[in-house]
Amino acid sequence: MVSNLNHTLEIEKRQGNISKIQYSHYQAIIYPCSIEIVV
């Protein structure tokens, strides 16, 4: 699951160059999900 998350972030990072605000918003959404999976 961690690998999948990293892969998604890698793709988002490339798109983040075009829209940093969108990347920030996406990170805020995926972060809670990541914590939920850990718990």
C-alpha atoms as a PDB file:
ATOM      1  CA  MET A   1       0.000   0.000   0.000  1.00  0.00           C
ATOM      2  CA  VAL A   2       2.866   2.346   0.809  1.00  0.00           C
ATOM      3  CA  SER A   3       4.395   1.737  -2.620  1.00  0.00           C
ATOM      4  CA  ASN A   4       1.079   2.555  -4.265  1.00  0.00           C
ATOM      5  CA  LEU A   5       0.839   5.788  -2.273  1.00  0.00           C
ATOM      6  CA  ASN A   6       4.376   6.808  -3.235  1.00  0.00           C
ATOM      7  CA  HIS A   7       3.667   6.054  -6.881  1.00  0.00           C
ATOM      8  CA  THR A   8       0.549   8.221  -6.784  1.00  0.00           C
ATOM      9  CA  LEU A   9       2.494  11.042  -5.158  1.00  0.00           C
ATOM     10  CA  GLU A  10       5.195  10.757  -7.820  1.00  0.00           C
ATOM     11  CA  ILE A  11       2.585  11.285 -10.543  1.00  0.00           C
ATOM     12  CA  GLU A  12       0.957  14.113  -8.589  1.00  0.00           C
ATOM     13  CA  LYS A  13       4.368  15.732  -8.103  1.00  0.00           C
ATOM     14  CA  ARG A  14       4.851  16.023 -11.861  1.00  0.00           C
ATOM     15  CA  GLN A  15       1.417  17.586 -12.229  1.00  0.00           C
ATOM     16  CA  GLY A  16       2.130  19.702  -9.137  1.00  0.00           C
ATOM     17  CA  ASN A  17       4.662  21.623 -11.221  1.00  0.00           C
ATOM     18  CA  ILE A  18       1.752  22.915 -13.282  1.00  0.00           C
ATOM     19  CA  SER A  19      -0.574  23.484 -10.338  1.00  0.00           C
ATOM     20  CA  LYS A  20       1.055  23.632  -6.918  1.00  0.00           C
ATOM     21  CA  ILE A  21      -2.228  24.593  -5.281  1.00  0.00           C
ATOM     22  CA  GLN A  22      -3.899  21.444  -6.605  1.00  0.00           C
ATOM     23  CA  TYR A  23      -0.975  19.340  -5.351  1.00  0.00           C
ATOM     24  CA  SER A  24      -1.291  20.930  -1.915  1.00  0.00           C
ATOM     25  CA  HIS A  25      -5.021  20.242  -1.859  1.00  0.00           C
ATOM     26  CA  TYR A  26      -4.457  16.646  -2.983  1.00  0.00           C
ATOM     27  CA  GLN A  27      -1.820  16.099  -0.320  1.00  0.00           C
ATOM     28  CA  ALA A  28      -4.193  17.378   2.367  1.00  0.00           C
ATOM     29  CA  ILE A  29      -6.773  14.807   1.257  1.00  0.00           C
ATOM     30  CA  ILE A  30      -4.410  11.830   0.866  1.00  0.00           C
ATOM     31  CA  TYR A  31      -2.590  12.504   4.127  1.00  0.00           C
ATOM     32  CA  PRO A  32      -5.595  11.699   6.383  1.00  0.00           C
ATOM     33  CA  CYS A  33      -6.195   8.587   4.281  1.00  0.00           C
ATOM     34  CA  SER A  34      -2.599   7.518   4.844  1.00  0.00           C
ATOM     35  CA  ILE A  35      -2.978   7.967   8.594  1.00  0.00           C
ATOM     36  CA  GLU A  36      -6.232   6.029   8.532  1.00  0.00           C
ATOM     37  CA  ILE A  37      -4.502   3.099   6.816  1.00  0.00           C
ATOM     38  CA  VAL A  38      -1.712   3.123   9.393  1.00  0.00           C
ATOM     39  CA  VAL A  39      -4.224   3.088  12.231  1.00  0.00           C
END
